Amino acid sequence: MRPPGVSTGMDAPVASGLQATLLSTQRKLAVIDGAVVPLGAPVRGATLSGVSDSLAVLKKNGERDVLLMHPNIDKKPAKRREAR
């Protein structure tokens, strides 16, 4: 162990953006920029207005900003196989 406040230079950088979501019948949460944010709470100068399994929606001044869990993945519908 190292004493508190001493860095090894290998500390992980704090991730930004949407890192996780938690959905249950009782609550919806998103982890944004390392902070746990409940639905309806302020974050990034906006309000968390929606959460799903892979995205979070922020509203500010009537505009929506959608944060994606994996923004660099381009999803495409699967091709159907023909019956033989």
Protein backbone atom coordinates (compact mmCIF):
# COMPACT_ATOMS: atom_id res chain seq x y z
CA MET A 1 0.00 0.00 0.00
CA ARG A 2 1.08 3.54 -0.53
CA PRO A 3 0.31 6.50 1.71
CA PRO A 4 -2.71 8.68 0.81
CA GLY A 5 -1.98 11.43 -1.68
CA VAL A 6 1.02 9.70 -3.24
CA SER A 7 0.68 9.00 -6.96
CA THR A 8 2.55 6.31 -8.85
CA GLY A 9 1.89 7.97 -12.20
CA MET A 10 -0.24 4.98 -13.16
CA ASP A 11 -3.54 6.36 -11.90
CA ALA A 12 -6.37 5.75 -14.35
CA PRO A 13 -7.82 8.86 -15.96
CA VAL A 14 -11.39 9.72 -15.09
CA ALA A 15 -13.66 8.60 -17.92
CA SER A 16 -16.12 11.06 -19.39
CA GLY A 17 -19.50 10.55 -20.96
CA LEU A 18 -21.98 7.80 -20.18
CA GLN A 19 -20.32 4.86 -18.42
CA ALA A 20 -23.27 2.84 -17.06
CA THR A 21 -27.01 2.77 -16.53
CA LEU A 22 -29.11 1.13 -13.83
CA LEU A 23 -32.76 0.43 -14.54
CA SER A 24 -35.23 -1.05 -12.09
CA THR A 25 -38.93 -0.73 -11.34
CA GLN A 26 -38.09 1.70 -8.55
CA ARG A 27 -35.44 3.95 -10.08
CA LYS A 28 -33.36 4.87 -13.11
CA LEU A 29 -29.76 6.01 -12.77
CA ALA A 30 -26.92 6.87 -15.12
CA VAL A 31 -23.21 7.16 -14.41
CA ILE A 32 -22.12 10.27 -16.32
CA ASP A 33 -18.59 11.64 -16.09
CA GLY A 34 -17.98 9.38 -13.07
CA ALA A 35 -21.00 10.64 -11.09
CA VAL A 36 -24.17 8.66 -10.30
CA VAL A 37 -27.13 10.72 -11.55
CA PRO A 38 -30.77 9.82 -10.81
CA LEU A 39 -33.51 10.54 -13.35
CA GLY A 40 -34.57 14.20 -13.08
CA ALA A 41 -31.32 15.38 -11.47
CA PRO A 42 -29.04 18.08 -12.88
CA VAL A 43 -25.89 17.11 -14.77
CA ARG A 44 -23.67 19.06 -17.19
CA GLY A 45 -25.93 22.10 -16.83
CA ALA A 46 -28.93 20.08 -18.02
CA THR A 47 -31.46 17.63 -16.54
CA LEU A 48 -31.33 13.85 -16.95
CA SER A 49 -34.69 13.23 -18.61
CA GLY A 50 -34.37 9.67 -19.88
CA VAL A 51 -32.35 6.50 -19.38
CA SER A 52 -32.34 3.22 -21.28
CA ASP A 53 -29.98 0.25 -21.38
CA SER A 54 -27.44 2.03 -23.59
CA LEU A 55 -28.20 5.75 -23.58
CA ALA A 56 -29.07 8.76 -21.44
CA VAL A 57 -31.02 11.83 -22.53
CA LEU A 58 -30.19 15.28 -21.19
CA LYS A 59 -32.57 18.24 -21.64
CA LYS A 60 -31.60 21.89 -21.50
CA ASN A 61 -33.62 24.85 -22.76
CA GLY A 62 -35.97 22.57 -24.70
CA GLU A 63 -33.13 20.80 -26.53
CA ARG A 64 -32.11 17.16 -26.14
CA ASP A 65 -28.60 15.76 -25.93
CA VAL A 66 -28.31 11.98 -26.23
CA LEU A 67 -25.31 10.32 -24.58
CA LEU A 68 -24.51 6.86 -25.92
CA MET A 69 -22.83 4.14 -23.88
CA HIS A 70 -20.74 3.07 -26.89
CA PRO A 71 -20.67 6.09 -29.22
CA ASN A 72 -18.15 4.56 -31.65
CA ILE A 73 -20.26 1.48 -32.44
CA ASP A 74 -22.49 1.77 -35.49
CA LYS A 75 -25.48 -0.55 -35.02
CA LYS A 76 -27.18 -1.98 -38.10
CA PRO A 77 -30.22 -4.24 -38.30
CA ALA A 78 -29.46 -7.93 -38.78
CA LYS A 79 -30.11 -9.42 -42.22
CA ARG A 80 -32.81 -12.06 -42.37
CA ARG A 81 -31.92 -15.54 -43.51
CA GLU A 82 -34.09 -17.04 -46.19
CA ALA A 83 -35.80 -20.36 -45.40
CA ARG A 84 -34.58 -23.29 -47.49
